Structure formats: structure tokens, C-alpha cells
């Protein structure tokens, strides 16, 4: 079985992009926007907060371990496209967070002067930040060159973000009223991940193609 990364350079590049996108980049974007420093009018009692650490473990730690274990190997040429997708996802994330400005937060809440943001990426989808995070995670799965890692990421993202978005939209609709209802009518939610059974079928076809590819090499 070949190593996950064919060279030390590729491994260093992977970790530089990973830390830059998921740790440093996200922290700096949130800090720059300044939303966490705002007084809170009302915070949602979000049950998903307790799931966050489990979600991060499932969508980051487990896929990386699976990638290093070389389970469900995909073609190595997906490594660089995966890195590019991670970076593109982060760019959209930064755009979304900076557009929200002080209205943004890692928690579901509203501030005293809260209003519905409808500019920037919010003209196209209601949750561009979540969409961009999912995109970056998909890039991670591709960079790890593992359909098993990608399947874990897709299932974890479908469960967590699906519940998070439903909870957030109910809360914002109750707090912001007609303005948010009209926004929901005019702008689609986000790109839709297939349900877990369909995701499994898609990844099974990818795995079959991957096995054939490995046999031909």
C-alpha cells in the first residue's frame, strides 16, 4: 500500500493548507468581522452546541485517520484539486463572514439592531458560510484520496448542518419576523447534500471506479 502523500513536500503542503483554512483562517475571519464582541439581545438555546465537538471529531479527525490508513483509496491526482477546493471554500467563507460583519456569530443569536443581510453571497443562498464549510470539508476528503473519508464527511455534514440550519431558521423567523420570511421566500437555502442513503450509493459507485482504476495501474 502506498503512502498517503508521495513526498514530504506534499504532506507539508497539506498540513499548511489544512491549518491555514480550518484554524488560522477561520479565526482571523471571525475576529475581523467582530460579531462575537456585540451585545446579545437573545440567544437560541441551541441543542446542537453539545454536538459540535462530536461533529468536528467526526468530520475532521476520523477522515484524516482514515486517509492515513489508506482505506477506500481514490486516485492520487485528486490531492491537488482537493487542496484547491479547500481554499476556494475558505475564500467563500471569508466573504460570507465579512459580509455579515457584526451580525455574524458562531452561535445562534440576535443583537439589538439585528437585520437580515441580503448582500454579497447572501443574495444567492441563505447560508453561504455553511455551504462554504461543507465545500472545504469535501475538498479535505478529496485531498485525503479516500472515498471512505469522503463518505464520513458527507454523512456528518448532512446530519449536522441540516439540523443546524433548521434550528437557526426557526429562531431567526421568530425573532426577525416578516423580513426574514420574505427573505426565505426569495432566496434558496443553500446547495443541498443528498440524504445519507443516496450519498452511500454515490460513493459506492465512486469506490467501484476507484478499485478498477487501482487494478489498471
Protein backbone atom coordinates (compact mmCIF):
# COMPACT_ATOMS: atom_id res chain seq x y z
CA UNK A 1 0.00 0.00 0.00
CA UNK A 2 1.41 3.39 -0.98
CA UNK A 3 1.78 6.23 1.49
CA UNK A 4 -0.93 8.87 1.62
CA UNK A 5 1.45 11.57 0.45
CA UNK A 6 4.06 10.65 -2.19
CA UNK A 7 6.54 13.21 -0.87
CA UNK A 8 7.38 15.21 2.24
CA UNK A 9 6.59 18.38 0.28
CA UNK A 10 3.01 17.19 -0.38
CA UNK A 11 2.49 16.30 3.27
CA UNK A 12 3.79 19.68 4.47
CA UNK A 13 1.63 21.43 1.87
CA UNK A 14 -1.45 19.52 3.04
CA UNK A 15 -0.96 20.49 6.67
CA UNK A 16 -0.18 24.12 5.80
CA UNK A 17 -3.42 24.39 3.83
CA UNK A 18 -5.39 22.47 6.47
CA UNK A 19 -4.20 24.63 9.39
CA UNK A 20 -4.46 27.81 7.32
CA UNK A 21 -8.04 27.08 6.23
CA UNK A 22 -9.62 25.38 9.24
CA UNK A 23 -7.77 27.02 12.11
CA UNK A 24 -5.94 30.28 11.44
CA UNK A 25 -8.08 31.47 8.53
CA UNK A 26 -11.43 30.87 10.24
CA UNK A 27 -10.26 32.50 13.46
CA UNK A 28 -8.94 35.62 11.71
CA UNK A 29 -12.09 35.99 9.59
CA UNK A 30 -14.34 35.84 12.66
CA UNK A 31 -12.05 38.22 14.58
CA UNK A 32 -12.04 40.67 11.67
CA UNK A 33 -15.84 40.65 11.40
CA UNK A 34 -16.25 41.47 15.10
CA UNK A 35 -19.61 39.78 15.61
CA UNK A 36 -18.61 37.96 18.80
CA UNK A 37 -17.98 41.29 20.57
CA UNK A 38 -21.54 42.54 20.16
CA UNK A 39 -24.13 42.67 22.96
CA UNK A 40 -26.73 39.91 22.58
CA UNK A 41 -30.46 40.62 22.53
CA UNK A 42 -31.45 36.97 22.57
CA UNK A 43 -29.51 33.73 22.14
CA UNK A 44 -31.04 30.50 20.94
CA UNK A 45 -30.83 27.63 23.41
CA UNK A 46 -29.23 25.54 20.73
CA UNK A 47 -29.16 21.79 21.45
CA UNK A 48 -26.59 21.33 18.67
CA UNK A 49 -23.85 23.09 20.65
CA UNK A 50 -23.34 19.89 22.62
CA UNK A 51 -22.90 18.03 19.32
CA UNK A 52 -20.26 20.40 17.96
CA UNK A 53 -17.18 18.69 19.37
CA UNK A 54 -18.50 15.29 18.26
CA UNK A 55 -19.21 16.71 14.81
CA UNK A 56 -15.71 18.18 14.44
CA UNK A 57 -14.20 14.88 15.56
CA UNK A 58 -16.30 13.01 13.02
CA UNK A 59 -15.73 15.35 10.10
CA UNK A 60 -12.03 16.13 10.63
CA UNK A 61 -10.20 13.69 12.91
CA UNK A 62 -11.78 10.43 11.72
CA UNK A 63 -11.41 11.23 7.98
CA UNK A 64 -7.74 12.15 8.47
CA UNK A 65 -7.12 8.87 10.31
CA UNK A 66 -8.96 7.01 7.55
CA UNK A 67 -6.86 8.78 4.93
CA UNK A 68 -3.60 7.84 6.61
CA UNK A 69 -4.86 4.26 7.00
CA UNK A 70 -5.41 4.21 3.20
CA UNK A 71 -8.98 2.95 3.40
CA UNK A 72 -11.08 3.33 0.26
CA UNK A 73 -8.23 4.68 -1.83
CA UNK A 74 -9.06 7.19 -4.57
CA UNK A 75 -6.70 8.26 -7.39
CA UNK A 76 -3.77 10.37 -6.17
CA UNK A 77 -4.46 13.06 -8.77
CA UNK A 78 -7.37 14.23 -6.57
CA UNK A 79 -4.90 15.58 -3.99
CA UNK A 80 -4.26 18.98 -5.59
CA UNK A 81 -7.88 19.60 -6.69
CA UNK A 82 -8.86 18.80 -3.11
CA UNK A 83 -6.50 21.47 -1.76
CA UNK A 84 -7.84 23.98 -4.27
CA UNK A 85 -11.44 23.23 -3.23
CA UNK A 86 -10.47 23.70 0.44
CA UNK A 87 -9.01 27.12 -0.37
CA UNK A 88 -11.99 28.15 -2.54
CA UNK A 89 -14.34 27.12 0.28
CA UNK A 90 -12.37 29.25 2.72
CA UNK A 91 -12.50 32.24 0.34
CA UNK A 92 -16.30 31.97 0.17
CA UNK A 93 -16.40 31.53 3.96
CA UNK A 94 -14.41 34.73 4.47
CA UNK A 95 -16.66 36.59 2.04
CA UNK A 96 -19.74 35.43 3.93
CA UNK A 97 -18.39 36.20 7.41
CA UNK A 98 -17.10 39.64 6.44
CA UNK A 99 -20.39 40.44 4.71
CA UNK A 100 -22.31 39.58 7.89
CA UNK A 101 -19.94 41.75 9.92
CA UNK A 102 -21.15 42.31 13.47
CA UNK A 103 -24.36 40.37 12.79
CA UNK A 104 -22.40 37.15 12.48
CA UNK A 105 -21.63 34.71 15.28
CA UNK A 106 -20.67 31.11 15.87
CA UNK A 107 -23.84 30.86 17.97
CA UNK A 108 -27.48 31.33 17.01
CA UNK A 109 -28.44 34.72 18.40
CA UNK A 110 -29.72 38.19 17.53
CA UNK A 111 -28.31 41.56 18.63
CA UNK A 112 -30.25 44.78 19.42
CA UNK A 113 -30.02 46.27 15.89
CA UNK A 114 -30.23 42.95 14.07
CA UNK A 115 -31.42 42.94 10.46
CA UNK A 116 -31.45 40.47 7.59
CA UNK A 117 -28.29 40.72 5.48
CA UNK A 118 -29.15 40.36 1.79
CA UNK A 119 -25.97 41.47 0.04
CA UNK A 120 -22.79 39.69 -1.05
CA UNK A 121 -23.15 35.89 -1.12
CA UNK A 122 -26.44 36.23 0.78
CA UNK A 123 -28.05 37.34 -2.48
CA UNK A 124 -27.64 33.81 -3.82
CA UNK A 125 -28.13 31.47 -0.83
CA UNK A 126 -29.30 31.98 2.75
CA UNK A 127 -26.38 30.10 4.32
CA UNK A 128 -23.22 30.72 2.26
CA UNK A 129 -20.98 30.26 5.32
CA UNK A 130 -22.27 26.74 5.97
CA UNK A 131 -22.15 25.96 2.25
CA UNK A 132 -18.52 27.09 2.11
CA UNK A 133 -17.60 24.98 5.14
CA UNK A 134 -19.16 21.91 3.52
CA UNK A 135 -17.22 22.69 0.33
CA UNK A 136 -13.94 22.89 2.28
CA UNK A 137 -14.69 19.58 4.01
CA UNK A 138 -15.37 17.93 0.64
CA UNK A 139 -12.00 19.27 -0.51
CA UNK A 140 -10.46 17.69 2.59
CA UNK A 141 -11.93 14.30 1.66
CA UNK A 142 -10.57 14.57 -1.87
CA UNK A 143 -7.13 15.68 -0.65
CA UNK A 144 -7.10 12.59 1.60
CA UNK A 145 -7.77 10.49 -1.52
CA UNK A 146 -10.28 8.26 0.26
CA UNK A 147 -13.91 7.60 -0.63
CA UNK A 148 -14.45 6.30 2.92
CA UNK A 149 -13.25 9.63 4.36
CA UNK A 150 -15.44 11.48 1.85
CA UNK A 151 -18.47 9.38 2.79
CA UNK A 152 -17.94 10.09 6.50
CA UNK A 153 -17.65 13.81 5.75
CA UNK A 154 -20.82 13.89 3.63
CA UNK A 155 -22.90 11.99 6.17
CA UNK A 156 -21.62 14.07 9.12
CA UNK A 157 -22.20 17.31 7.21
CA UNK A 158 -25.71 16.27 6.14
CA UNK A 159 -26.74 15.48 9.72
CA UNK A 160 -25.11 18.43 11.49
CA UNK A 161 -25.73 21.25 9.03
CA UNK A 162 -29.23 20.03 8.22
CA UNK A 163 -30.22 20.24 11.90
CA UNK A 164 -28.28 23.46 12.50
CA UNK A 165 -29.93 25.25 9.57
CA UNK A 166 -33.45 24.15 10.54
CA UNK A 167 -32.93 25.31 14.13
CA UNK A 168 -31.38 28.62 13.07
CA UNK A 169 -34.09 29.46 10.58
CA UNK A 170 -36.89 28.79 13.07
CA UNK A 171 -35.15 31.04 15.59
CA UNK A 172 -34.48 33.89 13.15
CA UNK A 173 -38.00 33.73 11.73
CA UNK A 174 -39.46 34.03 15.24
CA UNK A 175 -37.15 36.95 16.15
CA UNK A 176 -36.97 38.92 12.89
CA UNK A 177 -40.48 38.24 11.68
CA UNK A 178 -41.74 39.13 8.20
CA UNK A 179 -38.38 40.45 7.00
CA UNK A 180 -36.82 37.02 7.36
CA UNK A 181 -39.91 35.21 5.99
CA UNK A 182 -39.72 37.33 2.83
CA UNK A 183 -36.00 36.63 2.56
CA UNK A 184 -36.66 32.88 2.86
CA UNK A 185 -39.22 33.09 0.06
CA UNK A 186 -36.87 34.90 -2.30
CA UNK A 187 -33.54 33.13 -1.71
CA UNK A 188 -32.84 29.42 -1.66
CA UNK A 189 -31.42 27.84 1.48
CA UNK A 190 -28.07 26.51 0.23
CA UNK A 191 -26.86 23.80 -2.08
CA UNK A 192 -28.40 20.51 -0.97
CA UNK A 193 -26.40 17.49 0.09
CA UNK A 194 -28.02 14.17 -0.87
CA UNK A 195 -29.55 12.18 2.01
CA UNK A 196 -27.27 9.62 3.62
CA UNK A 197 -28.61 6.54 1.68
CA UNK A 198 -28.17 8.34 -1.66
CA UNK A 199 -24.76 9.57 -0.57
CA UNK A 200 -23.75 5.99 0.14
CA UNK A 201 -24.89 4.90 -3.33
CA UNK A 202 -22.92 7.70 -4.98
CA UNK A 203 -19.78 6.90 -3.01
CA UNK A 204 -20.20 3.17 -3.69
CA UNK A 205 -20.07 3.91 -7.41
CA UNK A 206 -17.01 6.09 -6.84
CA UNK A 207 -15.40 3.27 -4.85
CA UNK A 208 -16.09 0.78 -7.62
CA UNK A 209 -14.49 3.08 -10.17
CA UNK A 210 -11.54 3.59 -7.79
CA UNK A 211 -10.97 -0.17 -7.46
CA UNK A 212 -11.00 -0.57 -11.24
CA UNK A 213 -8.53 2.30 -11.51
CA UNK A 214 -6.20 0.70 -8.97
CA UNK A 215 -6.32 -2.63 -10.82
CA UNK A 216 -5.38 -0.93 -14.07
CA UNK A 217 -2.38 0.84 -12.52
